[in-house]
Amino acid sequence: RECFAELNTMIASKQHQVHCLFDVTQATLIPAGAPVYAMRSGFMKRSNIGEIAVVGTGFVAQVLAETAIKLTGTPMTFYASRDEAMVSFSQTQLG
């Protein structure tokens, strides 16, 4: 819960676009309320939020992201690796 509030505060303090990467490749389960906490924190609706990336191709990653997308309407992109996500972030900055 606190991590999403801290993320919201950090993004709010920046003038530039901020991308978020959630690496859940090692996660075996997620707290049931995680998507709700993320939504309530407000970070996904910040005007300077960039791409939200979820790294992980497993069931946990899909459930986490799909629930958050349904609750917030905020798009997220799935990546199989951190490297893929970082390439996308760098291309977004250049584009």
N, C-alpha and C. Protein backbone atom coordinates (compact mmCIF):
# COMPACT_ATOMS: atom_id res chain seq x y z
N ARG A 1 0.83 -1.18 0.00
CA ARG A 1 0.00 0.00 0.00
C ARG A 1 0.87 1.24 0.00
N GLU A 2 1.86 1.28 0.89
CA GLU A 2 2.72 2.45 1.01
C GLU A 2 3.55 2.68 -0.24
N CYS A 3 3.94 1.61 -0.92
CA CYS A 3 4.80 1.78 -2.09
C CYS A 3 4.08 2.56 -3.18
N PHE A 4 2.78 2.36 -3.36
CA PHE A 4 2.04 3.10 -4.37
C PHE A 4 1.88 4.57 -3.98
N ALA A 5 1.68 4.83 -2.69
CA ALA A 5 1.59 6.22 -2.22
C ALA A 5 2.93 6.93 -2.43
N GLU A 6 4.03 6.25 -2.14
CA GLU A 6 5.36 6.83 -2.36
C GLU A 6 5.62 7.06 -3.85
N LEU A 7 5.18 6.14 -4.68
CA LEU A 7 5.33 6.29 -6.12
C LEU A 7 4.55 7.51 -6.60
N ASN A 8 3.35 7.68 -6.11
CA ASN A 8 2.53 8.84 -6.48
C ASN A 8 3.21 10.14 -6.08
N THR A 9 3.76 10.18 -4.88
CA THR A 9 4.47 11.37 -4.40
C THR A 9 5.69 11.66 -5.26
N MET A 10 6.44 10.63 -5.62
CA MET A 10 7.63 10.82 -6.44
C MET A 10 7.25 11.36 -7.82
N ILE A 11 6.25 10.76 -8.45
CA ILE A 11 5.84 11.21 -9.78
C ILE A 11 5.33 12.65 -9.72
N ALA A 12 4.57 12.98 -8.68
CA ALA A 12 4.05 14.35 -8.53
C ALA A 12 5.16 15.38 -8.38
N SER A 13 6.30 14.96 -7.85
CA SER A 13 7.40 15.91 -7.61
C SER A 13 8.23 16.17 -8.86
N LYS A 14 7.98 15.45 -9.94
CA LYS A 14 8.78 15.57 -11.16
C LYS A 14 8.04 16.40 -12.20
N GLN A 15 8.80 17.19 -12.94
CA GLN A 15 8.23 17.98 -14.02
C GLN A 15 8.21 17.20 -15.33
N HIS A 16 9.10 16.23 -15.45
CA HIS A 16 9.24 15.47 -16.68
C HIS A 16 8.37 14.21 -16.66
N GLN A 17 8.29 13.56 -17.79
CA GLN A 17 7.54 12.32 -17.91
C GLN A 17 8.25 11.21 -17.13
N VAL A 18 7.46 10.40 -16.44
CA VAL A 18 8.00 9.31 -15.62
C VAL A 18 7.38 8.00 -16.09
N HIS A 19 8.24 7.06 -16.49
CA HIS A 19 7.80 5.72 -16.85
C HIS A 19 7.86 4.84 -15.61
N CYS A 20 6.99 3.85 -15.54
CA CYS A 20 6.98 2.92 -14.40
C CYS A 20 7.16 1.50 -14.90
N LEU A 21 8.00 0.77 -14.22
CA LEU A 21 8.25 -0.61 -14.57
C LEU A 21 7.99 -1.47 -13.33
N PHE A 22 7.09 -2.42 -13.48
CA PHE A 22 6.79 -3.37 -12.42
C PHE A 22 7.31 -4.72 -12.86
N ASP A 23 8.37 -5.19 -12.22
CA ASP A 23 8.96 -6.48 -12.57
C ASP A 23 8.41 -7.53 -11.61
N VAL A 24 7.54 -8.38 -12.13
CA VAL A 24 6.92 -9.42 -11.31
C VAL A 24 7.36 -10.81 -11.75
N THR A 25 8.54 -10.86 -12.37
CA THR A 25 9.03 -12.15 -12.86
C THR A 25 9.28 -13.16 -11.73
N GLN A 26 9.59 -12.68 -10.55
CA GLN A 26 9.87 -13.57 -9.43
C GLN A 26 8.68 -13.74 -8.49
N ALA A 27 7.59 -13.04 -8.78
CA ALA A 27 6.43 -13.07 -7.89
C ALA A 27 5.69 -14.40 -8.02
N THR A 28 5.32 -14.94 -6.89
CA THR A 28 4.52 -16.16 -6.91
C THR A 28 3.07 -15.87 -6.54
N LEU A 29 2.85 -14.74 -5.90
CA LEU A 29 1.50 -14.28 -5.63
C LEU A 29 1.54 -12.78 -5.39
N ILE A 30 0.40 -12.15 -5.52
CA ILE A 30 0.31 -10.72 -5.28
C ILE A 30 -0.72 -10.48 -4.18
N PRO A 31 -0.54 -9.42 -3.41
CA PRO A 31 -1.57 -9.11 -2.41
C PRO A 31 -2.90 -8.85 -3.13
N ALA A 32 -3.97 -9.37 -2.59
CA ALA A 32 -5.28 -9.26 -3.24
C ALA A 32 -5.66 -7.81 -3.53
N GLY A 33 -5.26 -6.90 -2.68
CA GLY A 33 -5.66 -5.51 -2.85
C GLY A 33 -4.70 -4.65 -3.66
N ALA A 34 -3.63 -5.23 -4.19
CA ALA A 34 -2.61 -4.43 -4.88
C ALA A 34 -3.18 -3.56 -6.01
N PRO A 35 -3.99 -4.10 -6.91
CA PRO A 35 -4.53 -3.24 -7.96
C PRO A 35 -5.39 -2.09 -7.42
N VAL A 36 -6.14 -2.36 -6.37
CA VAL A 36 -6.98 -1.31 -5.76
C VAL A 36 -6.09 -0.25 -5.11
N TYR A 37 -5.04 -0.67 -4.41
CA TYR A 37 -4.12 0.30 -3.80
C TYR A 37 -3.47 1.16 -4.86
N ALA A 38 -3.08 0.53 -5.97
CA ALA A 38 -2.46 1.29 -7.06
C ALA A 38 -3.44 2.32 -7.60
N MET A 39 -4.67 1.92 -7.81
CA MET A 39 -5.68 2.83 -8.33
C MET A 39 -5.93 3.99 -7.36
N ARG A 40 -6.09 3.67 -6.10
CA ARG A 40 -6.40 4.70 -5.10
C ARG A 40 -5.25 5.69 -4.90
N SER A 41 -4.03 5.25 -5.15
CA SER A 41 -2.89 6.15 -4.96
C SER A 41 -2.91 7.31 -5.94
N GLY A 42 -3.50 7.09 -7.12
CA GLY A 42 -3.61 8.16 -8.12
C GLY A 42 -2.43 8.27 -9.07
N PHE A 43 -1.39 7.46 -8.89
CA PHE A 43 -0.20 7.64 -9.73
C PHE A 43 -0.48 7.39 -11.21
N MET A 44 -1.43 6.51 -11.52
CA MET A 44 -1.71 6.20 -12.93
C MET A 44 -2.43 7.32 -13.66
N LYS A 45 -2.98 8.26 -12.93
CA LYS A 45 -3.72 9.37 -13.53
C LYS A 45 -2.92 10.67 -13.54
N ARG A 46 -1.68 10.62 -13.10
CA ARG A 46 -0.83 11.82 -13.13
C ARG A 46 -0.61 12.26 -14.57
N SER A 47 -0.57 13.55 -14.79
CA SER A 47 -0.41 14.07 -16.16
C SER A 47 0.96 13.75 -16.74
N ASN A 48 1.94 13.50 -15.89
CA ASN A 48 3.29 13.21 -16.39
C ASN A 48 3.64 11.72 -16.37
N ILE A 49 2.62 10.87 -16.20
CA ILE A 49 2.92 9.44 -16.23
C ILE A 49 3.20 9.04 -17.68
N GLY A 50 4.25 8.30 -17.85
CA GLY A 50 4.60 7.80 -19.17
C GLY A 50 4.06 6.39 -19.34
N GLU A 51 4.87 5.54 -19.91
CA GLU A 51 4.47 4.15 -20.12
C GLU A 51 4.50 3.40 -18.80
N ILE A 52 3.51 2.55 -18.61
CA ILE A 52 3.50 1.65 -17.46
C ILE A 52 3.76 0.26 -18.01
N ALA A 53 4.87 -0.32 -17.60
CA ALA A 53 5.29 -1.62 -18.11
C ALA A 53 5.22 -2.66 -17.02
N VAL A 54 4.77 -3.84 -17.40
CA VAL A 54 4.75 -4.98 -16.50
C VAL A 54 5.66 -6.03 -17.11
N VAL A 55 6.71 -6.39 -16.38
CA VAL A 55 7.65 -7.40 -16.86
C VAL A 55 7.28 -8.72 -16.21
N GLY A 56 7.02 -9.69 -17.06
CA GLY A 56 6.65 -11.01 -16.59
C GLY A 56 5.56 -11.56 -17.48
N THR A 57 5.68 -12.79 -17.84
CA THR A 57 4.71 -13.39 -18.74
C THR A 57 3.81 -14.39 -18.04
N GLY A 58 3.98 -14.50 -16.74
CA GLY A 58 3.22 -15.50 -16.00
C GLY A 58 1.83 -15.03 -15.61
N PHE A 59 1.12 -15.93 -15.00
CA PHE A 59 -0.25 -15.69 -14.56
C PHE A 59 -0.34 -14.51 -13.61
N VAL A 60 0.59 -14.40 -12.67
CA VAL A 60 0.57 -13.33 -11.68
C VAL A 60 0.64 -11.97 -12.38
N ALA A 61 1.53 -11.82 -13.33
CA ALA A 61 1.67 -10.56 -14.06
C ALA A 61 0.39 -10.22 -14.80
N GLN A 62 -0.20 -11.18 -15.44
CA GLN A 62 -1.42 -10.93 -16.20
C GLN A 62 -2.57 -10.52 -15.30
N VAL A 63 -2.76 -11.22 -14.21
CA VAL A 63 -3.84 -10.90 -13.29
C VAL A 63 -3.65 -9.50 -12.71
N LEU A 64 -2.44 -9.20 -12.28
CA LEU A 64 -2.15 -7.89 -11.70
C LEU A 64 -2.47 -6.78 -12.69
N ALA A 65 -1.94 -6.87 -13.87
CA ALA A 65 -2.11 -5.81 -14.86
C ALA A 65 -3.54 -5.73 -15.37
N GLU A 66 -4.15 -6.86 -15.66
CA GLU A 66 -5.51 -6.83 -16.19
C GLU A 66 -6.49 -6.26 -15.19
N THR A 67 -6.31 -6.56 -13.92
CA THR A 67 -7.18 -6.00 -12.89
C THR A 67 -6.98 -4.50 -12.79
N ALA A 68 -5.73 -4.05 -12.80
CA ALA A 68 -5.45 -2.62 -12.73
C ALA A 68 -6.00 -1.89 -13.95
N ILE A 69 -5.88 -2.49 -15.13
CA ILE A 69 -6.40 -1.88 -16.35
C ILE A 69 -7.92 -1.74 -16.26
N LYS A 70 -8.59 -2.78 -15.79
CA LYS A 70 -10.05 -2.72 -15.66
C LYS A 70 -10.49 -1.66 -14.66
N LEU A 71 -9.76 -1.53 -13.57
CA LEU A 71 -10.13 -0.57 -12.53
C LEU A 71 -9.86 0.87 -12.93
N THR A 72 -8.81 1.09 -13.70
CA THR A 72 -8.39 2.47 -13.98
C THR A 72 -8.57 2.90 -15.43
N GLY A 73 -8.65 1.94 -16.33
CA GLY A 73 -8.69 2.30 -17.75
C GLY A 73 -7.34 2.75 -18.27
N THR A 74 -6.31 2.58 -17.47
CA THR A 74 -4.96 3.00 -17.85
C THR A 74 -4.27 1.87 -18.61
N PRO A 75 -3.76 2.14 -19.80
CA PRO A 75 -3.08 1.07 -20.54
C PRO A 75 -1.75 0.68 -19.91
N MET A 76 -1.44 -0.57 -20.02
CA MET A 76 -0.15 -1.10 -19.58
C MET A 76 0.36 -2.02 -20.67
N THR A 77 1.66 -2.15 -20.74
CA THR A 77 2.27 -3.01 -21.74
C THR A 77 3.01 -4.13 -21.05
N PHE A 78 2.84 -5.34 -21.57
CA PHE A 78 3.55 -6.50 -21.03
C PHE A 78 4.86 -6.70 -21.78
N TYR A 79 5.89 -7.06 -21.04
CA TYR A 79 7.19 -7.39 -21.63
C TYR A 79 7.68 -8.69 -21.01
N ALA A 80 8.40 -9.45 -21.80
CA ALA A 80 8.96 -10.71 -21.31
C ALA A 80 10.22 -10.47 -20.47
N SER A 81 10.90 -9.33 -20.70
CA SER A 81 12.13 -9.05 -19.96
C SER A 81 12.26 -7.56 -19.68
N ARG A 82 13.09 -7.26 -18.69
CA ARG A 82 13.39 -5.85 -18.37
C ARG A 82 14.06 -5.17 -19.54
N ASP A 83 14.92 -5.89 -20.24
CA ASP A 83 15.62 -5.31 -21.38
C ASP A 83 14.63 -4.82 -22.44
N GLU A 84 13.60 -5.62 -22.74
CA GLU A 84 12.59 -5.20 -23.71
C GLU A 84 11.89 -3.92 -23.25
N ALA A 85 11.55 -3.86 -21.99
CA ALA A 85 10.88 -2.67 -21.45
C ALA A 85 11.79 -1.45 -21.54
N MET A 86 13.05 -1.61 -21.22
CA MET A 86 13.98 -0.48 -21.26
C MET A 86 14.19 0.04 -22.69
N VAL A 87 14.19 -0.86 -23.66
CA VAL A 87 14.29 -0.44 -25.06
C VAL A 87 13.07 0.40 -25.42
N SER A 88 11.91 -0.06 -25.01
CA SER A 88 10.67 0.69 -25.28
C SER A 88 10.71 2.07 -24.62
N PHE A 89 11.16 2.11 -23.37
CA PHE A 89 11.26 3.40 -22.67
C PHE A 89 12.18 4.35 -23.42
N SER A 90 13.32 3.86 -23.86
CA SER A 90 14.29 4.73 -24.55
C SER A 90 13.71 5.20 -25.88
N GLN A 91 12.96 4.36 -26.58
CA GLN A 91 12.35 4.76 -27.84
C GLN A 91 11.25 5.80 -27.61
N THR A 92 10.53 5.66 -26.50
CA THR A 92 9.50 6.64 -26.15
C THR A 92 10.13 8.01 -25.92
N GLN A 93 11.28 8.03 -25.25
CA GLN A 93 11.99 9.28 -24.98
C GLN A 93 12.48 9.92 -26.26
N LEU A 94 12.91 9.10 -27.25
CA LEU A 94 13.43 9.62 -28.50
C LEU A 94 12.31 10.06 -29.43
N GLY A 95 11.16 9.38 -29.34
CA GLY A 95 10.05 9.63 -30.26
C GLY A 95 9.34 10.87 -29.93
